[in-house]
Structures are given as structure tokens and as C-alpha cells.
Amino acid sequence: MLNQEPGVYWCWAPVHFDDFCTQFGTFEDRNGNTTQISGHKLPLYKDMSSVPPDIEVETIHSLHHSVDWQKGSRWATGAKISGMLKNKEKFNLELETMGPIFFCKGIGYQHDEWKHGIWKGESETGYEVWDLSEIDPGDYTFFHTHQIARATLGSEKGIGMLENLVVGRHDPSGFEDFFDGAK
């Protein structure tokens, strides 16, 4: 019998370094079992004339990750992503979030009226202003975040994005119910 316990776990991290970029994304079930995962490394080029006809997109294998959570919230403070490149080179990416959190509610995710991707008419506009210091970290409508992150991969330094959405139980993160925060 299929367990109908609701929830979602999503982590996404595109990162830009000087000569290459990486991408990681995963969905997991509440027990931490991967339902979708991908990781890639791509070269960067100085200009379009130096781009070869066939760009090599390297798949990162044996992917694992963990997210560090801000106490009392479902907002990340960093993440570690590991795997193996095709030449058996270890891939150990560390992310450290910095600056203010971008709450995806601002583009419609989990918003009651301005739902993401819902057509409201040709010229319909609107806005809200939130005092970020007053946002309740237990309000699930603010769980979905994007954060700029410093990235370290061996001796390489880069900048990227860490996106997270966790609603419901997620054992690897220590979330025990639908809306509790990190311990």
C-alpha cells in the first residue's frame, strides 16, 4: 500500500567558477530516498567564437548532499554536495549562504492570491511589502528560498545559488512534522 504522507524536499544549486560551472538538483522523499537527482559540470568560454561544436557536459556520479539549517527554521546556512567525476576525481562542493534570503513567495510560490504561474489577466499587477525581520520562520509560505552562496570546490572559489523547499517530515534534515524548524 502506498504511503500517502504529504510533503516535498527540493534542493538545487547552480554554481559559477572561473572556468566552469556546476549544477546540482534533487527531490527526495521524507525518508531521504532520492526520487530525482542530477549533477553536471560544464566548461565556460570567454566568448562565443571559442565554443566548440560539441560542448562536453560531464555528469557527476555517486551524488550525495547535506544541508545545514538555521536553528528554528527551514532556511539553509550552507550545504555540502559530493560525488565522483568521470576520471575518478572526487567532487566535494561546499556552499555557504550569504546575505538576505529571497523568499519565493514573492514570485508566487505558496502565495494565496498571486500563485506562481497563474494567469490573472493581461495587465494585472500587484505587490506586497514584508518586513523581513518580522517573517515567522514557521510560516510554511516562507519555506521556499533562494540564497546567494559562496562556493568552494578544492582550490576553486565560486559563487552560486542554493534553493531549498522542505515541507513535511524529512528524516535526514531532522524535520519531524509538517512545519517544525531545525533543532
N, C-alpha and C. Protein backbone atom coordinates (compact mmCIF):
# COMPACT_ATOMS: atom_id res chain seq x y z
N MET A 1 0.84 -1.19 0.00
CA MET A 1 0.00 0.00 0.00
C MET A 1 0.88 1.25 0.00
N LEU A 2 0.55 2.20 -0.83
CA LEU A 2 1.30 3.44 -0.98
C LEU A 2 1.06 4.35 0.23
N ASN A 3 2.12 4.85 0.83
CA ASN A 3 2.02 5.79 1.95
C ASN A 3 1.64 7.15 1.39
N GLN A 4 0.59 7.72 1.89
CA GLN A 4 0.07 8.99 1.36
C GLN A 4 0.51 10.21 2.18
N GLU A 5 1.54 10.07 3.03
CA GLU A 5 2.01 11.20 3.83
C GLU A 5 2.52 12.30 2.89
N PRO A 6 1.95 13.51 2.99
CA PRO A 6 2.34 14.58 2.07
C PRO A 6 3.68 15.21 2.45
N GLY A 7 4.26 15.87 1.50
CA GLY A 7 5.50 16.61 1.75
C GLY A 7 6.32 16.73 0.48
N VAL A 8 7.32 17.62 0.54
CA VAL A 8 8.24 17.79 -0.58
C VAL A 8 9.61 18.16 -0.02
N TYR A 9 10.65 17.66 -0.68
CA TYR A 9 12.02 18.05 -0.37
C TYR A 9 12.70 18.36 -1.70
N TRP A 10 13.19 19.57 -1.84
CA TRP A 10 13.86 20.01 -3.06
C TRP A 10 15.10 20.78 -2.68
N CYS A 11 16.22 20.49 -3.35
CA CYS A 11 17.46 21.24 -3.19
C CYS A 11 18.05 21.42 -4.58
N TRP A 12 18.47 22.65 -4.89
CA TRP A 12 19.01 22.98 -6.22
C TRP A 12 20.16 23.95 -6.03
N ALA A 13 21.25 23.73 -6.76
CA ALA A 13 22.44 24.57 -6.58
C ALA A 13 23.24 24.72 -7.87
N PRO A 14 22.96 25.75 -8.66
CA PRO A 14 23.84 26.08 -9.78
C PRO A 14 24.98 26.97 -9.28
N VAL A 15 26.21 26.69 -9.72
CA VAL A 15 27.37 27.42 -9.22
C VAL A 15 28.28 27.81 -10.39
N HIS A 16 28.83 29.01 -10.33
CA HIS A 16 29.72 29.55 -11.37
C HIS A 16 31.12 29.70 -10.79
N PHE A 17 32.10 29.08 -11.46
CA PHE A 17 33.51 29.25 -11.13
C PHE A 17 34.17 29.99 -12.30
N ASP A 18 35.47 30.24 -12.24
CA ASP A 18 36.14 30.99 -13.30
C ASP A 18 36.09 30.30 -14.66
N ASP A 19 36.35 28.99 -14.69
CA ASP A 19 36.47 28.28 -15.97
C ASP A 19 35.40 27.23 -16.22
N PHE A 20 34.51 27.04 -15.26
CA PHE A 20 33.46 26.02 -15.41
C PHE A 20 32.29 26.37 -14.49
N CYS A 21 31.20 25.67 -14.69
CA CYS A 21 30.06 25.82 -13.79
C CYS A 21 29.55 24.43 -13.44
N THR A 22 28.82 24.36 -12.34
CA THR A 22 28.24 23.08 -11.91
C THR A 22 26.76 23.30 -11.64
N GLN A 23 26.02 22.21 -11.66
CA GLN A 23 24.60 22.22 -11.37
C GLN A 23 24.27 20.98 -10.57
N PHE A 24 23.47 21.13 -9.52
CA PHE A 24 23.00 20.01 -8.73
C PHE A 24 21.53 20.22 -8.43
N GLY A 25 20.75 19.16 -8.47
CA GLY A 25 19.34 19.25 -8.10
C GLY A 25 18.84 17.90 -7.63
N THR A 26 17.97 17.91 -6.62
CA THR A 26 17.41 16.66 -6.15
C THR A 26 16.05 16.86 -5.50
N PHE A 27 15.20 15.88 -5.70
CA PHE A 27 13.99 15.69 -4.92
C PHE A 27 14.22 14.44 -4.09
N GLU A 28 13.70 14.43 -2.86
CA GLU A 28 13.78 13.25 -2.01
C GLU A 28 12.43 13.02 -1.36
N ASP A 29 12.22 11.77 -0.95
CA ASP A 29 11.03 11.50 -0.15
C ASP A 29 11.34 11.81 1.31
N ARG A 30 10.38 11.64 2.17
CA ARG A 30 10.53 12.02 3.58
C ARG A 30 11.57 11.20 4.32
N ASN A 31 11.94 10.02 3.78
CA ASN A 31 12.96 9.18 4.40
C ASN A 31 14.36 9.50 3.87
N GLY A 32 14.45 10.39 2.89
CA GLY A 32 15.74 10.74 2.30
C GLY A 32 16.09 9.93 1.07
N ASN A 33 15.15 9.14 0.58
CA ASN A 33 15.39 8.38 -0.66
C ASN A 33 15.23 9.30 -1.85
N THR A 34 16.21 9.29 -2.73
CA THR A 34 16.20 10.16 -3.90
C THR A 34 15.13 9.71 -4.88
N THR A 35 14.32 10.67 -5.32
CA THR A 35 13.34 10.39 -6.37
C THR A 35 13.76 11.02 -7.70
N GLN A 36 14.66 11.99 -7.65
CA GLN A 36 15.27 12.59 -8.84
C GLN A 36 16.55 13.25 -8.37
N ILE A 37 17.62 13.06 -9.12
CA ILE A 37 18.89 13.70 -8.77
C ILE A 37 19.69 13.92 -10.04
N SER A 38 20.39 15.03 -10.10
CA SER A 38 21.27 15.29 -11.24
C SER A 38 22.41 16.20 -10.80
N GLY A 39 23.55 16.00 -11.40
CA GLY A 39 24.70 16.85 -11.16
C GLY A 39 25.55 16.89 -12.42
N HIS A 40 25.98 18.08 -12.79
CA HIS A 40 26.74 18.25 -14.03
C HIS A 40 27.83 19.30 -13.85
N LYS A 41 28.87 19.16 -14.64
CA LYS A 41 29.96 20.13 -14.71
C LYS A 41 30.13 20.50 -16.18
N LEU A 42 30.17 21.80 -16.46
CA LEU A 42 30.28 22.30 -17.83
C LEU A 42 31.40 23.32 -17.93
N PRO A 43 32.14 23.31 -19.03
CA PRO A 43 33.18 24.33 -19.21
C PRO A 43 32.56 25.68 -19.54
N LEU A 44 33.29 26.74 -19.23
CA LEU A 44 32.89 28.10 -19.61
C LEU A 44 33.84 28.59 -20.68
N TYR A 45 33.37 29.50 -21.52
CA TYR A 45 34.15 30.03 -22.63
C TYR A 45 34.18 31.55 -22.57
N LYS A 46 35.30 32.13 -23.01
CA LYS A 46 35.48 33.59 -22.95
C LYS A 46 34.53 34.33 -23.89
N ASP A 47 34.24 33.71 -25.04
CA ASP A 47 33.31 34.32 -25.98
C ASP A 47 32.74 33.22 -26.89
N MET A 48 31.74 33.56 -27.64
CA MET A 48 31.04 32.57 -28.48
C MET A 48 31.94 31.95 -29.53
N SER A 49 32.96 32.67 -30.00
CA SER A 49 33.83 32.13 -31.04
C SER A 49 34.71 30.99 -30.53
N SER A 50 34.87 30.87 -29.22
CA SER A 50 35.70 29.79 -28.67
C SER A 50 34.88 28.57 -28.25
N VAL A 51 33.58 28.61 -28.45
CA VAL A 51 32.72 27.48 -28.09
C VAL A 51 32.82 26.40 -29.17
N PRO A 52 33.20 25.17 -28.79
CA PRO A 52 33.30 24.09 -29.78
C PRO A 52 31.91 23.63 -30.23
N PRO A 53 31.83 22.93 -31.36
CA PRO A 53 30.53 22.48 -31.85
C PRO A 53 29.85 21.49 -30.87
N ASP A 54 30.65 20.70 -30.17
CA ASP A 54 30.10 19.74 -29.20
C ASP A 54 30.65 20.06 -27.81
N ILE A 55 29.81 20.66 -27.00
CA ILE A 55 30.21 21.01 -25.64
C ILE A 55 30.10 19.76 -24.77
N GLU A 56 31.17 19.49 -24.03
CA GLU A 56 31.15 18.32 -23.15
C GLU A 56 30.48 18.68 -21.83
N VAL A 57 29.37 18.03 -21.57
CA VAL A 57 28.68 18.16 -20.29
C VAL A 57 29.01 16.91 -19.49
N GLU A 58 29.75 17.10 -18.41
CA GLU A 58 30.18 15.96 -17.61
C GLU A 58 29.16 15.68 -16.50
N THR A 59 28.71 14.45 -16.42
CA THR A 59 27.80 14.03 -15.37
C THR A 59 28.60 13.72 -14.11
N ILE A 60 28.14 14.22 -12.98
CA ILE A 60 28.75 13.91 -11.69
C ILE A 60 28.00 12.69 -11.14
N HIS A 61 28.74 11.64 -10.83
CA HIS A 61 28.15 10.37 -10.39
C HIS A 61 28.22 10.23 -8.87
N SER A 62 27.49 9.26 -8.34
CA SER A 62 27.50 8.90 -6.92
C SER A 62 27.25 10.13 -6.03
N LEU A 63 26.24 10.88 -6.40
CA LEU A 63 25.95 12.14 -5.70
C LEU A 63 25.34 11.91 -4.32
N HIS A 64 25.78 12.74 -3.39
CA HIS A 64 25.24 12.81 -2.03
C HIS A 64 25.25 14.28 -1.64
N HIS A 65 24.39 14.64 -0.71
CA HIS A 65 24.39 16.02 -0.24
C HIS A 65 23.83 16.08 1.17
N SER A 66 24.11 17.19 1.82
CA SER A 66 23.50 17.52 3.11
C SER A 66 23.36 19.03 3.19
N VAL A 67 22.34 19.47 3.87
CA VAL A 67 22.08 20.90 4.03
C VAL A 67 22.19 21.23 5.51
N ASP A 68 22.84 22.35 5.81
CA ASP A 68 22.89 22.88 7.17
C ASP A 68 21.74 23.88 7.29
N TRP A 69 20.98 23.75 8.38
CA TRP A 69 19.78 24.57 8.56
C TRP A 69 19.93 25.55 9.71
N GLN A 70 19.38 26.74 9.53
CA GLN A 70 19.34 27.74 10.59
C GLN A 70 18.40 27.25 11.68
N LYS A 71 18.84 27.27 12.91
CA LYS A 71 18.06 26.77 14.04
C LYS A 71 16.67 27.42 14.07
N GLY A 72 15.66 26.58 14.26
CA GLY A 72 14.29 27.05 14.37
C GLY A 72 13.62 27.36 13.05
N SER A 73 14.28 27.04 11.92
CA SER A 73 13.73 27.38 10.61
C SER A 73 13.96 26.24 9.62
N ARG A 74 13.50 26.46 8.41
CA ARG A 74 13.82 25.59 7.28
C ARG A 74 14.59 26.40 6.24
N TRP A 75 15.43 27.30 6.72
CA TRP A 75 16.27 28.15 5.88
C TRP A 75 17.70 27.65 5.99
N ALA A 76 18.34 27.48 4.85
CA ALA A 76 19.70 26.92 4.81
C ALA A 76 20.75 27.94 5.21
N THR A 77 21.82 27.43 5.81
CA THR A 77 23.01 28.25 6.06
C THR A 77 24.17 27.75 5.21
N GLY A 78 24.01 26.61 4.60
CA GLY A 78 25.04 26.05 3.75
C GLY A 78 24.68 24.65 3.31
N ALA A 79 25.54 24.07 2.49
CA ALA A 79 25.31 22.71 2.00
C ALA A 79 26.63 22.10 1.56
N LYS A 80 26.66 20.79 1.57
CA LYS A 80 27.79 20.02 1.04
C LYS A 80 27.24 19.06 -0.01
N ILE A 81 27.89 19.06 -1.16
CA ILE A 81 27.50 18.19 -2.25
C ILE A 81 28.73 17.41 -2.68
N SER A 82 28.63 16.09 -2.71
CA SER A 82 29.79 15.28 -3.08
C SER A 82 29.41 14.30 -4.18
N GLY A 83 30.42 13.87 -4.89
CA GLY A 83 30.22 12.91 -5.97
C GLY A 83 31.56 12.52 -6.57
N MET A 84 31.48 11.95 -7.76
CA MET A 84 32.67 11.46 -8.45
C MET A 84 32.59 11.88 -9.92
N LEU A 85 33.71 12.46 -10.40
CA LEU A 85 33.80 12.83 -11.81
C LEU A 85 34.26 11.62 -12.62
N LYS A 86 34.17 11.71 -13.93
CA LYS A 86 34.46 10.54 -14.78
C LYS A 86 35.90 10.04 -14.67
N ASN A 87 36.83 10.91 -14.31
CA ASN A 87 38.24 10.49 -14.19
C ASN A 87 38.55 9.98 -12.78
N LYS A 88 37.49 9.64 -12.03
CA LYS A 88 37.58 9.14 -10.65
C LYS A 88 38.02 10.22 -9.66
N GLU A 89 38.02 11.48 -10.12
CA GLU A 89 38.34 12.60 -9.24
C GLU A 89 37.15 12.87 -8.32
N LYS A 90 37.43 13.05 -7.03
CA LYS A 90 36.37 13.34 -6.08
C LYS A 90 35.84 14.75 -6.29
N PHE A 91 34.56 14.90 -6.14
CA PHE A 91 33.86 16.18 -6.27
C PHE A 91 33.29 16.51 -4.90
N ASN A 92 33.84 17.51 -4.21
CA ASN A 92 33.38 17.92 -2.88
C ASN A 92 33.14 19.42 -2.88
N LEU A 93 31.91 19.80 -3.07
CA LEU A 93 31.49 21.19 -3.16
C LEU A 93 30.92 21.63 -1.81
N GLU A 94 31.38 22.76 -1.31
CA GLU A 94 30.84 23.34 -0.08
C GLU A 94 30.22 24.69 -0.41
N LEU A 95 29.02 24.91 0.10
CA LEU A 95 28.31 26.17 -0.10
C LEU A 95 28.05 26.82 1.24
N GLU A 96 28.24 28.13 1.30
CA GLU A 96 27.94 28.91 2.49
C GLU A 96 27.04 30.06 2.07
N THR A 97 25.82 30.10 2.61
CA THR A 97 24.89 31.15 2.20
C THR A 97 25.35 32.49 2.75
N MET A 98 24.96 33.55 2.07
CA MET A 98 25.36 34.89 2.47
C MET A 98 24.26 35.88 2.09
N GLY A 99 24.17 36.93 2.84
CA GLY A 99 23.21 37.97 2.51
C GLY A 99 21.78 37.60 2.84
N PRO A 100 20.86 38.45 2.43
CA PRO A 100 19.45 38.22 2.74
C PRO A 100 18.89 37.04 1.95
N ILE A 101 17.83 36.47 2.48
CA ILE A 101 17.13 35.36 1.83
C ILE A 101 16.13 35.94 0.84
N PHE A 102 16.07 35.34 -0.34
CA PHE A 102 14.99 35.67 -1.29
C PHE A 102 13.89 34.64 -1.06
N PHE A 103 12.72 35.11 -0.68
CA PHE A 103 11.60 34.22 -0.42
C PHE A 103 10.79 34.06 -1.71
N CYS A 104 10.64 32.84 -2.16
CA CYS A 104 9.96 32.56 -3.43
C CYS A 104 8.48 32.89 -3.39
N LYS A 105 7.95 33.16 -2.20
CA LYS A 105 6.57 33.62 -2.10
C LYS A 105 6.42 34.92 -2.91
N GLY A 106 7.50 35.70 -3.00
CA GLY A 106 7.48 36.95 -3.74
C GLY A 106 7.27 36.78 -5.23
N ILE A 107 7.47 35.57 -5.76
CA ILE A 107 7.17 35.31 -7.18
C ILE A 107 6.02 34.31 -7.31
N GLY A 108 5.25 34.17 -6.23
CA GLY A 108 4.01 33.43 -6.30
C GLY A 108 3.97 32.07 -5.64
N TYR A 109 5.13 31.47 -5.35
CA TYR A 109 5.11 30.16 -4.71
C TYR A 109 4.48 30.26 -3.33
N GLN A 110 3.53 29.41 -3.03
CA GLN A 110 2.82 29.35 -1.76
C GLN A 110 2.08 30.66 -1.43
N HIS A 111 1.81 31.48 -2.41
CA HIS A 111 1.08 32.72 -2.18
C HIS A 111 -0.40 32.46 -2.43
N ASP A 112 -1.26 32.96 -1.53
CA ASP A 112 -2.70 32.71 -1.64
C ASP A 112 -3.32 33.35 -2.88
N GLU A 113 -2.92 34.56 -3.20
CA GLU A 113 -3.54 35.28 -4.32
C GLU A 113 -2.71 35.24 -5.60
N TRP A 114 -1.40 35.46 -5.52
CA TRP A 114 -0.55 35.59 -6.70
C TRP A 114 0.20 34.29 -6.98
N LYS A 115 -0.50 33.20 -7.04
CA LYS A 115 0.11 31.89 -7.22
C LYS A 115 1.06 31.86 -8.41
N HIS A 116 2.15 31.14 -8.27
CA HIS A 116 3.16 31.05 -9.31
C HIS A 116 2.55 30.42 -10.57
N GLY A 117 2.69 31.12 -11.69
CA GLY A 117 2.25 30.59 -12.98
C GLY A 117 0.76 30.71 -13.26
N ILE A 118 0.01 31.41 -12.43
CA ILE A 118 -1.43 31.55 -12.65
C ILE A 118 -1.70 32.83 -13.44
N TRP A 119 -2.45 32.69 -14.52
CA TRP A 119 -2.80 33.84 -15.36
C TRP A 119 -3.87 34.66 -14.64
N LYS A 120 -3.62 35.98 -14.51
CA LYS A 120 -4.57 36.86 -13.84
C LYS A 120 -5.06 37.97 -14.77
N GLY A 121 -4.69 37.88 -16.02
CA GLY A 121 -5.11 38.90 -16.96
C GLY A 121 -3.91 39.60 -17.58
N GLU A 122 -4.14 40.22 -18.72
CA GLU A 122 -3.07 40.83 -19.50
C GLU A 122 -2.30 41.90 -18.73
N SER A 123 -3.01 42.73 -17.95
CA SER A 123 -2.37 43.87 -17.32
C SER A 123 -2.46 43.85 -15.79
N GLU A 124 -2.79 42.72 -15.22
CA GLU A 124 -2.94 42.64 -13.76
C GLU A 124 -1.59 42.76 -13.07
N THR A 125 -1.50 43.65 -12.11
CA THR A 125 -0.28 43.84 -11.34
C THR A 125 -0.63 43.94 -9.87
N GLY A 126 0.36 43.81 -9.04
CA GLY A 126 0.17 43.97 -7.61
C GLY A 126 1.51 43.79 -6.92
N TYR A 127 1.54 44.13 -5.65
CA TYR A 127 2.76 43.93 -4.88
C TYR A 127 2.43 43.92 -3.40
N GLU A 128 3.37 43.43 -2.63
CA GLU A 128 3.28 43.45 -1.18
C GLU A 128 4.64 43.86 -0.65
N VAL A 129 4.66 44.37 0.55
CA VAL A 129 5.90 44.71 1.23
C VAL A 129 5.92 43.94 2.54
N TRP A 130 7.01 43.20 2.77
CA TRP A 130 7.17 42.46 4.01
C TRP A 130 8.37 43.01 4.76
N ASP A 131 8.23 43.15 6.06
CA ASP A 131 9.36 43.47 6.91
C ASP A 131 10.07 42.14 7.15
N LEU A 132 11.22 41.95 6.54
CA LEU A 132 11.91 40.66 6.59
C LEU A 132 12.28 40.26 8.01
N SER A 133 12.45 41.22 8.90
CA SER A 133 12.79 40.90 10.28
C SER A 133 11.59 40.34 11.04
N GLU A 134 10.40 40.47 10.47
CA GLU A 134 9.19 40.00 11.16
C GLU A 134 8.62 38.72 10.57
N ILE A 135 9.30 38.14 9.59
CA ILE A 135 8.79 36.90 8.98
C ILE A 135 8.94 35.76 9.98
N ASP A 136 7.86 35.03 10.17
CA ASP A 136 7.85 33.88 11.07
C ASP A 136 8.51 32.70 10.35
N PRO A 137 9.63 32.18 10.87
CA PRO A 137 10.29 31.05 10.20
C PRO A 137 9.43 29.78 10.20
N GLY A 138 8.37 29.75 10.98
CA GLY A 138 7.46 28.61 10.99
C GLY A 138 6.31 28.74 10.00
N ASP A 139 6.23 29.86 9.28
CA ASP A 139 5.20 30.08 8.27
C ASP A 139 5.63 29.37 6.99
N TYR A 140 4.94 28.28 6.65
CA TYR A 140 5.35 27.46 5.51
C TYR A 140 5.37 28.23 4.20
N THR A 141 4.65 29.34 4.10
CA THR A 141 4.65 30.10 2.85
C THR A 141 6.00 30.79 2.61
N PHE A 142 6.86 30.77 3.64
CA PHE A 142 8.21 31.33 3.50
C PHE A 142 9.29 30.25 3.56
N PHE A 143 8.93 28.98 3.40
CA PHE A 143 9.92 27.89 3.42
C PHE A 143 10.74 27.84 2.13
N HIS A 144 10.15 28.22 1.00
CA HIS A 144 10.81 28.11 -0.31
C HIS A 144 11.73 29.32 -0.50
N THR A 145 13.04 29.06 -0.55
CA THR A 145 14.02 30.15 -0.59
C THR A 145 15.06 29.98 -1.68
N HIS A 146 15.61 31.10 -2.08
CA HIS A 146 16.83 31.17 -2.89
C HIS A 146 17.82 31.99 -2.08
N GLN A 147 19.07 31.53 -2.06
CA GLN A 147 20.10 32.28 -1.35
C GLN A 147 21.39 32.28 -2.15
N ILE A 148 22.03 33.42 -2.22
CA ILE A 148 23.35 33.50 -2.83
C ILE A 148 24.31 32.77 -1.91
N ALA A 149 25.25 32.03 -2.52
CA ALA A 149 26.17 31.23 -1.70
C ALA A 149 27.59 31.32 -2.23
N ARG A 150 28.54 31.42 -1.30
CA ARG A 150 29.96 31.26 -1.64
C ARG A 150 30.19 29.78 -1.87
N ALA A 151 31.00 29.46 -2.87
CA ALA A 151 31.26 28.06 -3.19
C ALA A 151 32.75 27.77 -3.15
N THR A 152 33.08 26.60 -2.62
CA THR A 152 34.45 26.13 -2.61
C THR A 152 34.46 24.70 -3.14
N LEU A 153 35.31 24.46 -4.12
CA LEU A 153 35.49 23.13 -4.71
C LEU A 153 37.00 22.93 -4.85
N GLY A 154 37.59 22.25 -3.87
CA GLY A 154 39.05 22.13 -3.83
C GLY A 154 39.65 23.52 -3.69
N SER A 155 40.55 23.89 -4.61
CA SER A 155 41.17 25.22 -4.56
C SER A 155 40.35 26.27 -5.32
N GLU A 156 39.28 25.85 -5.98
CA GLU A 156 38.44 26.77 -6.75
C GLU A 156 37.44 27.48 -5.85
N LYS A 157 37.25 28.77 -6.12
CA LYS A 157 36.26 29.58 -5.41
C LYS A 157 35.24 30.07 -6.43
N GLY A 158 33.98 30.04 -6.06
CA GLY A 158 32.94 30.48 -6.96
C GLY A 158 31.78 31.10 -6.21
N ILE A 159 30.72 31.38 -6.97
CA ILE A 159 29.51 31.97 -6.41
C ILE A 159 28.33 31.23 -7.03
N GLY A 160 27.30 31.01 -6.24
CA GLY A 160 26.17 30.27 -6.77
C GLY A 160 24.89 30.61 -6.05
N MET A 161 23.94 29.72 -6.24
CA MET A 161 22.61 29.86 -5.67
C MET A 161 22.28 28.56 -4.96
N LEU A 162 21.64 28.67 -3.80
CA LEU A 162 21.14 27.50 -3.10
C LEU A 162 19.64 27.69 -2.92
N GLU A 163 18.88 26.82 -3.56
CA GLU A 163 17.42 26.86 -3.46
C GLU A 163 16.97 25.66 -2.65
N ASN A 164 16.06 25.91 -1.71
CA ASN A 164 15.51 24.84 -0.89
C ASN A 164 14.02 25.02 -0.71
N LEU A 165 13.33 23.88 -0.66
CA LEU A 165 11.93 23.82 -0.25
C LEU A 165 11.73 22.50 0.46
N VAL A 166 11.40 22.57 1.74
CA VAL A 166 11.11 21.36 2.51
C VAL A 166 9.82 21.61 3.29
N VAL A 167 8.80 20.85 2.96
CA VAL A 167 7.54 20.89 3.69
C VAL A 167 7.23 19.45 4.08
N GLY A 168 6.93 19.22 5.33
CA GLY A 168 6.65 17.88 5.81
C GLY A 168 7.87 17.26 6.46
N ARG A 169 7.71 16.03 6.90
CA ARG A 169 8.79 15.30 7.55
C ARG A 169 9.91 15.04 6.55
N HIS A 170 11.15 15.21 7.01
CA HIS A 170 12.32 14.83 6.22
C HIS A 170 13.37 14.37 7.22
N ASP A 171 13.51 13.06 7.34
CA ASP A 171 14.37 12.47 8.37
C ASP A 171 15.83 12.93 8.30
N PRO A 172 16.48 12.96 7.13
CA PRO A 172 17.88 13.39 7.10
C PRO A 172 18.10 14.82 7.60
N SER A 173 17.09 15.67 7.46
CA SER A 173 17.19 17.06 7.93
C SER A 173 16.79 17.20 9.39
N GLY A 174 16.20 16.16 9.95
CA GLY A 174 15.75 16.22 11.34
C GLY A 174 14.37 16.84 11.51
N PHE A 175 13.66 17.06 10.41
CA PHE A 175 12.30 17.61 10.49
C PHE A 175 11.34 16.47 10.76
N GLU A 176 10.59 16.60 11.86
CA GLU A 176 9.75 15.50 12.33
C GLU A 176 8.29 15.63 11.96
N ASP A 177 7.83 16.85 11.68
CA ASP A 177 6.43 17.01 11.30
C ASP A 177 6.33 17.98 10.13
N PHE A 178 5.16 18.48 9.90
CA PHE A 178 4.92 19.27 8.70
C PHE A 178 5.66 20.60 8.69
N PHE A 179 5.75 21.28 9.83
CA PHE A 179 6.26 22.65 9.84
C PHE A 179 7.34 22.94 10.86
N ASP A 180 7.88 21.95 11.56
CA ASP A 180 8.88 22.25 12.60
C ASP A 180 10.17 22.78 11.98
N GLY A 181 10.94 23.47 12.79
CA GLY A 181 12.21 24.02 12.34
C GLY A 181 13.37 23.16 12.77
N ALA A 182 14.56 23.50 12.30
CA ALA A 182 15.77 22.75 12.65
C ALA A 182 16.07 22.89 14.13
N LYS A 183 16.57 21.81 14.68
CA LYS A 183 16.92 21.81 16.12
C LYS A 183 18.30 22.34 16.35
